[in-house]
Each structure stands twice: as structure tokens, then as C-alpha cells.
Amino acid sequence: MDKQTEIELQAAAFRRLQQHLMQDRTDVQNIDMMNLTGFCRNCLSRWYQEAANANGIEMGKDEAREIFYGMTMDEWKATYQTEASAEKQAAFKVAFEENVTNKG
């Protein structure tokens, strides 16, 4: 497979993942994703931002999130986010530390 085809397939897979998380499974909470997988929608938007910045495109966290979510974080939270239990919040602190804070 040539490199351009590989890039196009990777981009298509990313778009399908984004659709799945943003349209098909809005019921799945970010905190649950982070606790189970070590990443969530916010991580994906951060990786998008990092890729943009690495390619000389100035993009902040809020802009990247709005691009990925298709709306502002305030809109997403008001529409889809539910309250997390104390247990989920405690697990999130551990998952965040292991998967975000300690990643170089």
C-alpha cells in the first residue's frame, strides 16, 4: 500500500471513530471512556490540536475541542454530560494521572 492511501484510510478511520463517539454513542461519558481505555473525546481533540501545532497550524485547546465535538464544550456538557459518581471521579484521577499527566 502506498503512503497516501495509508494516510487516507487512517483519516477515514478517524472520521468514523469521531462519528461513532459524537453521533452514535453520545450516551457514553468521557469519564467512563477514560476510566476504561485511558483516553476520551478530550484526548482525541488534544491529539488533533497537537498534530495541527506540529504542522505549523496555531490552534488552542478550545478551538480543537469545538472542531472535534462540532460544538462548544459548554454545549456538549449541557446536552450530553451527566453527573459522575464519587467512585468514577476517583478512578478518573488515577486514569488521568497514568494516561495524560505522565505521558511525555
Protein backbone atom coordinates (compact mmCIF):
# COMPACT_ATOMS: atom_id res chain seq x y z
CA MET A 1 0.00 0.00 0.00
CA ASP A 2 1.36 3.41 -0.88
CA LYS A 3 1.77 6.07 1.82
CA GLN A 4 -1.00 8.36 0.52
CA THR A 5 -3.54 5.54 0.54
CA GLU A 6 -2.49 4.62 4.07
CA ILE A 7 -2.98 8.24 5.21
CA GLU A 8 -6.40 8.39 3.55
CA LEU A 9 -7.50 5.15 5.22
CA GLN A 10 -6.25 6.34 8.60
CA ALA A 11 -8.15 9.62 8.15
CA ALA A 12 -11.31 7.72 7.19
CA ALA A 13 -11.00 5.52 10.28
CA PHE A 14 -10.54 8.61 12.45
CA ARG A 15 -13.62 10.25 10.93
CA ARG A 16 -15.64 7.09 11.61
CA LEU A 17 -14.42 6.98 15.21
CA GLN A 18 -15.36 10.64 15.59
CA GLN A 19 -18.83 9.96 14.16
CA HIS A 20 -19.27 6.97 16.45
CA LEU A 21 -18.37 8.98 19.56
CA MET A 22 -20.08 12.24 18.61
CA GLN A 23 -23.28 10.95 16.98
CA ASP A 24 -23.83 7.24 17.54
CA ARG A 25 -22.76 6.94 21.22
CA THR A 26 -23.31 10.30 22.86
CA ASP A 27 -24.57 8.30 25.85
CA VAL A 28 -21.04 7.11 26.64
CA GLN A 29 -19.49 9.54 29.08
CA ASN A 30 -15.91 10.80 28.75
CA ILE A 31 -15.17 9.79 32.32
CA ASP A 32 -16.20 6.19 31.54
CA MET A 33 -14.02 6.16 28.43
CA MET A 34 -11.03 7.48 30.34
CA ASN A 35 -11.52 5.05 33.19
CA LEU A 36 -11.78 2.06 30.85
CA THR A 37 -9.46 2.96 27.99
CA GLY A 38 -7.14 5.70 29.17
CA PHE A 39 -8.43 8.19 26.60
CA CYS A 40 -11.61 10.09 25.82
CA ARG A 41 -13.06 12.62 23.40
CA ASN A 42 -10.97 15.37 25.01
CA CYS A 43 -7.82 13.34 24.40
CA LEU A 44 -8.75 12.93 20.74
CA SER A 45 -9.30 16.66 20.40
CA ARG A 46 -5.95 17.30 22.14
CA TRP A 47 -4.18 14.91 19.76
CA TYR A 48 -5.83 16.79 16.88
CA GLN A 49 -4.54 20.07 18.35
CA GLU A 50 -1.05 18.64 18.80
CA ALA A 51 -0.99 17.43 15.19
CA ALA A 52 -2.10 20.86 13.98
CA ASN A 53 0.56 22.60 16.08
CA ALA A 54 3.23 20.15 14.86
CA ASN A 55 2.29 21.13 11.31
CA GLY A 56 2.63 24.85 11.99
CA ILE A 57 -1.10 25.48 12.48
CA GLU A 58 -1.77 27.57 15.57
CA MET A 59 -4.70 26.01 17.42
CA GLY A 60 -5.72 26.19 21.05
CA LYS A 61 -7.48 23.61 23.21
CA ASP A 62 -10.92 25.21 22.95
CA GLU A 63 -10.71 25.53 19.15
CA ALA A 64 -9.62 21.90 18.78
CA ARG A 65 -12.43 20.72 21.04
CA GLU A 66 -15.01 22.70 19.09
CA ILE A 67 -13.74 21.22 15.84
CA PHE A 68 -13.79 17.68 17.22
CA TYR A 69 -17.08 17.96 19.12
CA GLY A 70 -18.83 20.01 16.45
CA MET A 71 -19.97 22.38 19.21
CA THR A 72 -18.55 24.18 22.22
CA MET A 73 -17.72 22.21 25.34
CA ASP A 74 -20.44 24.11 27.20
CA GLU A 75 -23.00 22.95 24.60
CA TRP A 76 -21.73 19.34 24.78
CA LYS A 77 -21.84 19.27 28.57
CA ALA A 78 -25.33 20.79 28.72
CA THR A 79 -26.66 18.35 26.13
CA TYR A 80 -24.88 15.06 26.92
CA GLN A 81 -22.83 15.08 30.11
CA THR A 82 -24.24 13.51 33.26
CA GLU A 83 -23.06 13.72 36.86
CA ALA A 84 -20.31 11.26 37.73
CA SER A 85 -20.30 9.32 40.98
CA ALA A 86 -17.55 9.81 43.54
CA GLU A 87 -16.16 6.39 42.60
CA LYS A 88 -15.95 7.33 38.91
CA GLN A 89 -14.30 10.63 39.79
CA ALA A 90 -11.70 8.87 41.95
CA ALA A 91 -10.97 6.35 39.18
CA PHE A 92 -10.69 9.23 36.71
CA LYS A 93 -7.98 10.91 38.80
CA VAL A 94 -5.92 7.73 38.61
CA ALA A 95 -6.57 7.21 34.88
CA PHE A 96 -5.76 10.85 34.09
CA GLU A 97 -2.53 10.67 36.07
CA GLU A 98 -1.48 7.43 34.38
CA ASN A 99 -2.53 8.31 30.82
CA VAL A 100 -2.28 12.08 30.47
CA THR A 101 -0.15 13.68 33.16
CA ASN A 102 2.68 11.15 32.99
CA LYS A 103 2.79 10.97 29.19
CA GLY A 104 5.66 12.85 27.60
